[in-house]
Amino acid sequence: MYTQDQIEQHIWDYIDGLSTPAEKLMVEQLLQTDQQWIAVFNSLKGFNEMIDSADTIEQPSLRFTKNVMEEVAKYKVAPPTKSYINKKIIQGIAAFFILSIVGFVVYGISLIDFSAPGTTQIPNVGMGKLNQDWSKYLNSTVLNVFLLLDVVAGLMILDRYLRRKKETNAQA
């Protein structure tokens, strides 16, 4: 007839004094006849009495906060990120991307066909130029020079990083 949740809800309302007089009469009648209601009532009543008997909540000691802070102070705290992130590396990466973007913009502008003077139309971008043979511009020599410059720049950044790290270790 009633589910376990409904029985518990009715009994909690009865224990807390929130039930209407009709519900109160119904619960009292079921508590006299139904074993399931009696078992649920006894368990909930015991739980309610246990909560009521625990009037005092344990208070932490007066030195609790100080004891915790003393324990925390024993451990080494991580250094702030400023000390281990090298700004020169970030600036080098930013410079690489900015130069790449500038290079692409300059290359894109060089593809625009400005041979139509006196017109108010948007200049022809010349998409036919994009389908040309790139092997004459991007041959192995150009790629090797580009890679050589990247390696040299990377080694310079690594050298600066290691020197700065050595200086900070010598000062500490």
Foldseek 3Di string as FASTA:
>chain_A
DDDPVVLLVLLVCLVVVNDDPVSVVVLVVCCVPPPVSVVSNVVVVVVVVVVVVPPDDDDDDPCVVVVVVVVVVVDDDDDDPVVPDDVVVVVVVVVVVVVVVVVVVVVQVVQWDPPDPPDPDDTDSPPVVVPDDCCVPDPPVVVVVVVVVVVVVVVVVVVVVVVVVVVVVVVD
